[in-house]
Amino acid sequence: MREILHVQGGQCGNQIGSKFWEVICDEHGVDPTGRYKGDGSSETQLERINVYFNEASGGRYVPRAVLMDLEPGTMDAIRTGPYGQIFRPDNFVFGQSGAGNNWAKGHYTEGAELIDSVLDVVRKEAENCDCLQGYQLVIYLAMEKDCKYN
């Protein structure tokens, strides 16, 4: 199977990414706990599920995703959201202070301290793939305050 590794970052990227996972779960018949709840009439729901999901113990499906941000607020919102429990807890990578819409702080200080942890999680996910097809990035590169996606 050819897998895709999804990486989402920043407040806006994580909000868009969360909606993406809700839609993908719905398309594949996966409920918010990661269990397949499809009606069984559609072979296509399970046919390509391994492109975006890893099958975990107990028949659960876990998104092949890395979620990152410079501050914990966005991660907390995702974890407490409707699909928050579906993600692997180790794949949430976040700092404690954020950049406060300061590009240099996000690039040189806060972001620089976090990048090794992010790359480590991405590497681990990539190594678990049989045939990694590519990466899907959902990262908003403009000023974060411009995105109010809900």
N, C-alpha and C. Protein backbone atom coordinates (compact mmCIF):
# COMPACT_ATOMS: atom_id res chain seq x y z
N MET A 1 0.85 -1.18 0.00
CA MET A 1 0.00 0.00 0.00
C MET A 1 0.89 1.24 0.00
N ARG A 2 0.48 2.25 -0.69
CA ARG A 2 1.23 3.50 -0.76
C ARG A 2 0.61 4.49 0.22
N GLU A 3 1.36 4.81 1.27
CA GLU A 3 0.84 5.64 2.35
C GLU A 3 1.16 7.12 2.17
N ILE A 4 0.33 7.95 2.79
CA ILE A 4 0.55 9.39 2.84
C ILE A 4 0.69 9.78 4.30
N LEU A 5 1.70 10.58 4.59
CA LEU A 5 1.92 11.11 5.94
C LEU A 5 1.43 12.55 5.97
N HIS A 6 0.46 12.81 6.80
CA HIS A 6 -0.18 14.12 6.92
C HIS A 6 0.50 14.90 8.04
N VAL A 7 0.94 16.14 7.75
CA VAL A 7 1.56 17.01 8.75
C VAL A 7 0.78 18.31 8.77
N GLN A 8 0.30 18.70 9.95
CA GLN A 8 -0.44 19.96 10.07
C GLN A 8 0.20 20.80 11.16
N GLY A 9 0.25 22.13 10.92
CA GLY A 9 0.92 23.00 11.88
C GLY A 9 0.31 24.37 11.96
N GLY A 10 0.48 24.99 13.12
CA GLY A 10 -0.06 26.32 13.37
C GLY A 10 -1.54 26.25 13.69
N GLN A 11 -2.07 27.34 14.19
CA GLN A 11 -3.49 27.36 14.57
C GLN A 11 -4.38 27.08 13.38
N CYS A 12 -4.18 27.80 12.30
CA CYS A 12 -5.04 27.64 11.12
C CYS A 12 -4.83 26.27 10.48
N GLY A 13 -3.59 25.85 10.33
CA GLY A 13 -3.31 24.54 9.74
C GLY A 13 -3.94 23.41 10.54
N ASN A 14 -3.92 23.54 11.86
CA ASN A 14 -4.53 22.51 12.70
C ASN A 14 -6.05 22.54 12.64
N GLN A 15 -6.62 23.72 12.51
CA GLN A 15 -8.08 23.80 12.40
C GLN A 15 -8.55 23.20 11.07
N ILE A 16 -7.86 23.54 10.00
CA ILE A 16 -8.20 22.96 8.69
C ILE A 16 -7.93 21.45 8.70
N GLY A 17 -6.79 21.06 9.26
CA GLY A 17 -6.45 19.64 9.35
C GLY A 17 -7.46 18.83 10.14
N SER A 18 -7.97 19.41 11.21
CA SER A 18 -8.98 18.71 12.02
C SER A 18 -10.25 18.45 11.21
N LYS A 19 -10.67 19.44 10.45
CA LYS A 19 -11.83 19.25 9.57
C LYS A 19 -11.55 18.19 8.51
N PHE A 20 -10.33 18.21 7.97
CA PHE A 20 -9.94 17.21 6.98
C PHE A 20 -10.12 15.80 7.56
N TRP A 21 -9.65 15.59 8.80
CA TRP A 21 -9.75 14.27 9.40
C TRP A 21 -11.19 13.87 9.68
N GLU A 22 -12.03 14.83 10.03
CA GLU A 22 -13.45 14.52 10.21
C GLU A 22 -14.05 14.00 8.91
N VAL A 23 -13.72 14.66 7.79
CA VAL A 23 -14.25 14.25 6.49
C VAL A 23 -13.69 12.89 6.07
N ILE A 24 -12.39 12.69 6.23
CA ILE A 24 -11.77 11.41 5.85
C ILE A 24 -12.35 10.27 6.68
N CYS A 25 -12.52 10.51 7.98
CA CYS A 25 -13.11 9.47 8.83
C CYS A 25 -14.52 9.13 8.37
N ASP A 26 -15.29 10.15 8.04
CA ASP A 26 -16.66 9.92 7.57
C ASP A 26 -16.65 9.13 6.25
N GLU A 27 -15.77 9.50 5.34
CA GLU A 27 -15.70 8.80 4.05
C GLU A 27 -15.34 7.33 4.20
N HIS A 28 -14.50 7.02 5.20
CA HIS A 28 -14.05 5.64 5.39
C HIS A 28 -14.86 4.89 6.44
N GLY A 29 -15.87 5.53 7.01
CA GLY A 29 -16.71 4.85 8.00
C GLY A 29 -16.04 4.66 9.34
N VAL A 30 -15.11 5.55 9.70
CA VAL A 30 -14.39 5.46 10.97
C VAL A 30 -15.03 6.44 11.95
N ASP A 31 -15.39 5.95 13.13
CA ASP A 31 -16.03 6.82 14.12
C ASP A 31 -14.98 7.59 14.93
N PRO A 32 -15.38 8.51 15.81
CA PRO A 32 -14.42 9.32 16.58
C PRO A 32 -13.52 8.53 17.52
N THR A 33 -13.81 7.26 17.75
CA THR A 33 -12.92 6.44 18.58
C THR A 33 -11.93 5.65 17.74
N GLY A 34 -12.04 5.75 16.42
CA GLY A 34 -11.14 5.04 15.52
C GLY A 34 -11.65 3.69 15.07
N ARG A 35 -12.85 3.34 15.43
CA ARG A 35 -13.42 2.05 15.04
C ARG A 35 -14.18 2.16 13.72
N TYR A 36 -14.08 1.12 12.92
CA TYR A 36 -14.81 1.09 11.65
C TYR A 36 -16.28 0.85 11.95
N LYS A 37 -17.11 1.78 11.49
CA LYS A 37 -18.56 1.68 11.71
C LYS A 37 -19.32 1.77 10.39
N GLY A 38 -18.63 1.53 9.31
CA GLY A 38 -19.28 1.59 8.00
C GLY A 38 -20.38 0.57 7.89
N ASP A 39 -21.21 0.74 6.91
CA ASP A 39 -22.35 -0.16 6.74
C ASP A 39 -21.97 -1.48 6.07
N GLY A 40 -20.73 -1.59 5.66
CA GLY A 40 -20.26 -2.84 5.06
C GLY A 40 -20.66 -3.02 3.60
N SER A 41 -21.52 -2.16 3.10
CA SER A 41 -21.98 -2.31 1.72
C SER A 41 -20.99 -1.72 0.72
N SER A 42 -20.08 -0.91 1.21
CA SER A 42 -19.14 -0.25 0.31
C SER A 42 -17.73 -0.78 0.54
N GLU A 43 -17.23 -1.54 -0.41
CA GLU A 43 -15.86 -2.06 -0.31
C GLU A 43 -14.83 -0.95 -0.33
N THR A 44 -15.17 0.15 -0.96
CA THR A 44 -14.19 1.24 -1.10
C THR A 44 -13.85 1.90 0.23
N GLN A 45 -14.72 1.79 1.24
CA GLN A 45 -14.41 2.40 2.53
C GLN A 45 -13.15 1.79 3.13
N LEU A 46 -13.00 0.49 3.05
CA LEU A 46 -11.84 -0.17 3.63
C LEU A 46 -10.74 -0.45 2.62
N GLU A 47 -11.06 -0.36 1.33
CA GLU A 47 -10.11 -0.71 0.29
C GLU A 47 -8.83 0.11 0.37
N ARG A 48 -8.94 1.40 0.58
CA ARG A 48 -7.78 2.29 0.60
C ARG A 48 -7.59 2.99 1.95
N ILE A 49 -8.12 2.41 3.01
CA ILE A 49 -8.05 3.06 4.32
C ILE A 49 -6.60 3.21 4.80
N ASN A 50 -5.72 2.30 4.36
CA ASN A 50 -4.33 2.35 4.81
C ASN A 50 -3.51 3.47 4.19
N VAL A 51 -4.09 4.19 3.25
CA VAL A 51 -3.38 5.35 2.70
C VAL A 51 -3.18 6.40 3.78
N TYR A 52 -4.21 6.66 4.57
CA TYR A 52 -4.15 7.69 5.61
C TYR A 52 -4.13 7.16 7.04
N PHE A 53 -4.45 5.88 7.24
CA PHE A 53 -4.58 5.34 8.60
C PHE A 53 -3.64 4.17 8.83
N ASN A 54 -3.18 4.04 10.08
CA ASN A 54 -2.53 2.83 10.55
C ASN A 54 -3.57 2.02 11.30
N GLU A 55 -3.55 0.71 11.15
CA GLU A 55 -4.45 -0.12 11.93
C GLU A 55 -3.76 -0.48 13.24
N ALA A 56 -4.36 -0.10 14.35
CA ALA A 56 -3.80 -0.35 15.67
C ALA A 56 -4.47 -1.59 16.28
N SER A 57 -4.08 -1.91 17.50
CA SER A 57 -4.66 -3.06 18.18
C SER A 57 -6.15 -2.84 18.42
N GLY A 58 -6.88 -3.92 18.48
CA GLY A 58 -8.31 -3.85 18.73
C GLY A 58 -9.12 -3.37 17.55
N GLY A 59 -8.52 -3.38 16.35
CA GLY A 59 -9.25 -2.96 15.16
C GLY A 59 -9.47 -1.47 15.05
N ARG A 60 -8.70 -0.69 15.79
CA ARG A 60 -8.82 0.77 15.70
C ARG A 60 -7.96 1.28 14.55
N TYR A 61 -8.44 2.37 13.95
CA TYR A 61 -7.69 3.04 12.90
C TYR A 61 -7.20 4.38 13.44
N VAL A 62 -5.89 4.62 13.27
CA VAL A 62 -5.25 5.82 13.80
C VAL A 62 -4.70 6.63 12.63
N PRO A 63 -5.03 7.91 12.55
CA PRO A 63 -4.50 8.73 11.45
C PRO A 63 -2.98 8.75 11.43
N ARG A 64 -2.42 8.66 10.25
CA ARG A 64 -0.98 8.81 10.08
C ARG A 64 -0.72 10.31 9.97
N ALA A 65 -0.67 10.97 11.14
CA ALA A 65 -0.64 12.43 11.18
C ALA A 65 0.30 12.93 12.26
N VAL A 66 0.93 14.06 11.98
CA VAL A 66 1.74 14.78 12.96
C VAL A 66 1.10 16.15 13.11
N LEU A 67 0.81 16.53 14.35
CA LEU A 67 0.16 17.80 14.65
C LEU A 67 1.13 18.65 15.45
N MET A 68 1.39 19.87 14.99
CA MET A 68 2.38 20.71 15.67
C MET A 68 1.89 22.14 15.80
N ASP A 69 2.37 22.79 16.85
CA ASP A 69 2.09 24.21 17.07
C ASP A 69 3.07 24.73 18.11
N LEU A 70 3.24 26.04 18.14
CA LEU A 70 4.16 26.64 19.09
C LEU A 70 3.55 26.82 20.48
N GLU A 71 2.24 26.72 20.57
CA GLU A 71 1.60 26.86 21.88
C GLU A 71 0.56 25.76 22.07
N PRO A 72 0.24 25.42 23.31
CA PRO A 72 -0.61 24.25 23.57
C PRO A 72 -2.10 24.45 23.34
N GLY A 73 -2.58 25.67 23.20
CA GLY A 73 -4.01 25.92 23.10
C GLY A 73 -4.69 25.20 21.96
N THR A 74 -4.09 25.25 20.78
CA THR A 74 -4.68 24.59 19.62
C THR A 74 -4.71 23.07 19.80
N MET A 75 -3.64 22.52 20.36
CA MET A 75 -3.59 21.08 20.60
C MET A 75 -4.65 20.66 21.61
N ASP A 76 -4.84 21.46 22.65
CA ASP A 76 -5.88 21.16 23.65
C ASP A 76 -7.26 21.17 23.01
N ALA A 77 -7.49 22.14 22.12
CA ALA A 77 -8.79 22.23 21.43
C ALA A 77 -9.03 21.00 20.56
N ILE A 78 -8.00 20.51 19.90
CA ILE A 78 -8.15 19.31 19.06
C ILE A 78 -8.41 18.09 19.93
N ARG A 79 -7.62 17.94 21.00
CA ARG A 79 -7.78 16.78 21.88
C ARG A 79 -9.16 16.69 22.51
N THR A 80 -9.75 17.84 22.82
CA THR A 80 -11.07 17.84 23.44
C THR A 80 -12.20 17.91 22.41
N GLY A 81 -11.84 18.01 21.14
CA GLY A 81 -12.83 18.07 20.07
C GLY A 81 -13.42 16.70 19.78
N PRO A 82 -14.35 16.65 18.83
CA PRO A 82 -15.07 15.40 18.54
C PRO A 82 -14.17 14.25 18.09
N TYR A 83 -13.07 14.53 17.39
CA TYR A 83 -12.18 13.47 16.90
C TYR A 83 -10.82 13.50 17.60
N GLY A 84 -10.73 14.15 18.73
CA GLY A 84 -9.46 14.32 19.43
C GLY A 84 -8.81 13.04 19.91
N GLN A 85 -9.62 12.05 20.23
CA GLN A 85 -9.07 10.80 20.77
C GLN A 85 -8.57 9.84 19.70
N ILE A 86 -8.79 10.19 18.45
CA ILE A 86 -8.39 9.29 17.36
C ILE A 86 -6.88 9.37 17.07
N PHE A 87 -6.26 10.50 17.43
CA PHE A 87 -4.85 10.71 17.11
C PHE A 87 -3.93 10.03 18.12
N ARG A 88 -2.78 9.63 17.67
CA ARG A 88 -1.75 9.07 18.55
C ARG A 88 -1.21 10.19 19.44
N PRO A 89 -1.28 10.04 20.76
CA PRO A 89 -0.85 11.12 21.67
C PRO A 89 0.59 11.58 21.45
N ASP A 90 1.48 10.67 21.07
CA ASP A 90 2.88 11.03 20.84
C ASP A 90 3.07 11.92 19.62
N ASN A 91 2.06 12.02 18.77
CA ASN A 91 2.19 12.79 17.53
C ASN A 91 1.74 14.24 17.68
N PHE A 92 1.38 14.64 18.89
CA PHE A 92 1.12 16.05 19.19
C PHE A 92 2.44 16.65 19.65
N VAL A 93 2.96 17.61 18.89
CA VAL A 93 4.22 18.26 19.24
C VAL A 93 3.94 19.75 19.37
N PHE A 94 4.20 20.30 20.55
CA PHE A 94 3.88 21.72 20.75
C PHE A 94 4.81 22.34 21.78
N GLY A 95 4.93 23.67 21.67
CA GLY A 95 5.70 24.44 22.63
C GLY A 95 4.79 24.96 23.72
N GLN A 96 5.32 25.93 24.47
CA GLN A 96 4.56 26.45 25.60
C GLN A 96 4.20 27.91 25.50
N SER A 97 4.78 28.64 24.53
CA SER A 97 4.54 30.08 24.56
C SER A 97 4.00 30.68 23.27
N GLY A 98 4.24 30.08 22.15
CA GLY A 98 3.78 30.68 20.89
C GLY A 98 4.69 31.80 20.44
N ALA A 99 4.44 32.30 19.24
CA ALA A 99 5.28 33.35 18.67
C ALA A 99 4.63 34.72 18.74
N GLY A 100 3.38 34.80 19.12
CA GLY A 100 2.71 36.09 19.22
C GLY A 100 2.72 36.88 17.93
N ASN A 101 2.52 36.20 16.79
CA ASN A 101 2.53 36.83 15.47
C ASN A 101 3.86 37.51 15.14
N ASN A 102 4.94 37.04 15.76
CA ASN A 102 6.28 37.55 15.49
C ASN A 102 7.02 36.48 14.68
N TRP A 103 7.21 36.75 13.38
CA TRP A 103 7.82 35.76 12.50
C TRP A 103 9.19 35.33 13.00
N ALA A 104 10.02 36.26 13.42
CA ALA A 104 11.38 35.93 13.85
C ALA A 104 11.37 35.02 15.08
N LYS A 105 10.46 35.28 16.00
CA LYS A 105 10.37 34.44 17.19
C LYS A 105 9.95 33.02 16.82
N GLY A 106 9.01 32.92 15.91
CA GLY A 106 8.57 31.60 15.46
C GLY A 106 9.64 30.86 14.68
N HIS A 107 10.45 31.60 13.94
CA HIS A 107 11.47 30.97 13.10
C HIS A 107 12.77 30.69 13.85
N TYR A 108 13.24 31.65 14.63
CA TYR A 108 14.57 31.53 15.23
C TYR A 108 14.59 31.00 16.66
N THR A 109 13.55 31.24 17.43
CA THR A 109 13.62 30.80 18.83
C THR A 109 12.62 29.68 19.12
N GLU A 110 11.35 30.00 19.24
CA GLU A 110 10.35 28.99 19.61
C GLU A 110 10.31 27.85 18.60
N GLY A 111 10.26 28.17 17.32
CA GLY A 111 10.20 27.15 16.29
C GLY A 111 11.48 26.33 16.21
N ALA A 112 12.62 26.99 16.38
CA ALA A 112 13.91 26.29 16.31
C ALA A 112 14.05 25.27 17.43
N GLU A 113 13.45 25.56 18.58
CA GLU A 113 13.51 24.62 19.70
C GLU A 113 12.62 23.41 19.48
N LEU A 114 11.61 23.56 18.65
CA LEU A 114 10.62 22.50 18.45
C LEU A 114 10.92 21.60 17.24
N ILE A 115 11.71 22.10 16.30
CA ILE A 115 11.86 21.41 15.02
C ILE A 115 12.44 20.01 15.15
N ASP A 116 13.39 19.79 16.06
CA ASP A 116 13.97 18.46 16.21
C ASP A 116 12.92 17.44 16.67
N SER A 117 12.05 17.86 17.57
CA SER A 117 10.98 16.97 18.04
C SER A 117 10.01 16.66 16.92
N VAL A 118 9.67 17.66 16.12
CA VAL A 118 8.76 17.47 14.99
C VAL A 118 9.38 16.49 13.99
N LEU A 119 10.63 16.73 13.63
CA LEU A 119 11.29 15.86 12.65
C LEU A 119 11.42 14.43 13.16
N ASP A 120 11.61 14.26 14.46
CA ASP A 120 11.70 12.93 15.05
C ASP A 120 10.38 12.17 14.91
N VAL A 121 9.27 12.84 15.17
CA VAL A 121 7.95 12.21 15.04
C VAL A 121 7.66 11.90 13.57
N VAL A 122 7.99 12.83 12.67
CA VAL A 122 7.80 12.60 11.24
C VAL A 122 8.63 11.40 10.78
N ARG A 123 9.88 11.33 11.23
CA ARG A 123 10.75 10.21 10.87
C ARG A 123 10.17 8.88 11.34
N LYS A 124 9.70 8.84 12.59
CA LYS A 124 9.13 7.60 13.12
C LYS A 124 7.90 7.15 12.32
N GLU A 125 7.05 8.10 11.98
CA GLU A 125 5.87 7.75 11.18
C GLU A 125 6.28 7.27 9.78
N ALA A 126 7.25 7.94 9.18
CA ALA A 126 7.71 7.54 7.84
C ALA A 126 8.33 6.15 7.87
N GLU A 127 9.08 5.84 8.91
CA GLU A 127 9.72 4.53 9.02
C GLU A 127 8.70 3.40 9.19
N ASN A 128 7.53 3.73 9.71
CA ASN A 128 6.48 2.71 9.89
C ASN A 128 5.70 2.42 8.62
N CYS A 129 5.97 3.16 7.57
CA CYS A 129 5.27 2.97 6.30
C CYS A 129 5.94 1.86 5.48
N ASP A 130 5.13 1.12 4.74
CA ASP A 130 5.66 0.12 3.82
C ASP A 130 6.21 0.77 2.56
N CYS A 131 5.46 1.73 2.02
CA CYS A 131 5.84 2.40 0.78
C CYS A 131 5.30 3.82 0.82
N LEU A 132 6.04 4.71 1.45
CA LEU A 132 5.60 6.09 1.63
C LEU A 132 5.46 6.78 0.27
N GLN A 133 4.25 7.20 -0.03
CA GLN A 133 3.96 7.86 -1.31
C GLN A 133 4.32 9.33 -1.25
N GLY A 134 4.07 9.97 -0.11
CA GLY A 134 4.37 11.38 -0.01
C GLY A 134 3.87 11.98 1.29
N TYR A 135 4.08 13.28 1.39
CA TYR A 135 3.67 14.05 2.56
C TYR A 135 2.56 15.00 2.15
N GLN A 136 1.63 15.19 3.02
CA GLN A 136 0.57 16.17 2.82
C GLN A 136 0.72 17.21 3.92
N LEU A 137 1.01 18.44 3.54
CA LEU A 137 1.25 19.51 4.51
C LEU A 137 0.06 20.46 4.57
N VAL A 138 -0.39 20.74 5.77
CA VAL A 138 -1.44 21.73 5.99
C VAL A 138 -0.87 22.74 6.98
N ILE A 139 -0.19 23.73 6.42
CA ILE A 139 0.50 24.73 7.24
C ILE A 139 0.23 26.09 6.65
N TYR A 140 -0.34 26.94 7.44
CA TYR A 140 -0.67 28.29 7.00
C TYR A 140 0.57 29.16 7.20
N LEU A 141 1.12 29.71 6.13
CA LEU A 141 2.40 30.42 6.20
C LEU A 141 2.27 31.92 6.41
N ALA A 142 1.08 32.47 6.28
CA ALA A 142 0.90 33.90 6.52
C ALA A 142 0.71 34.13 8.02
N MET A 143 0.40 35.34 8.38
CA MET A 143 0.19 35.64 9.79
C MET A 143 -0.99 34.83 10.32
N GLU A 144 -0.79 34.12 11.40
CA GLU A 144 -1.82 33.25 11.95
C GLU A 144 -3.10 34.00 12.32
N LYS A 145 -2.99 35.26 12.68
CA LYS A 145 -4.19 36.00 13.09
C LYS A 145 -5.18 36.17 11.95
N ASP A 146 -4.73 35.94 10.70
CA ASP A 146 -5.61 36.10 9.55
C ASP A 146 -6.57 34.94 9.35
N CYS A 147 -6.36 33.83 10.03
CA CYS A 147 -7.20 32.66 9.82
C CYS A 147 -8.15 32.47 10.99
N LYS A 148 -9.41 32.51 10.70
CA LYS A 148 -10.44 32.27 11.72
C LYS A 148 -11.35 31.16 11.25
N TYR A 149 -10.77 30.05 10.79
CA TYR A 149 -11.53 28.94 10.23
C TYR A 149 -12.12 28.11 11.36
N ASN A 150 -13.40 27.88 11.34
CA ASN A 150 -14.05 27.02 12.34
C ASN A 150 -15.02 26.09 11.67
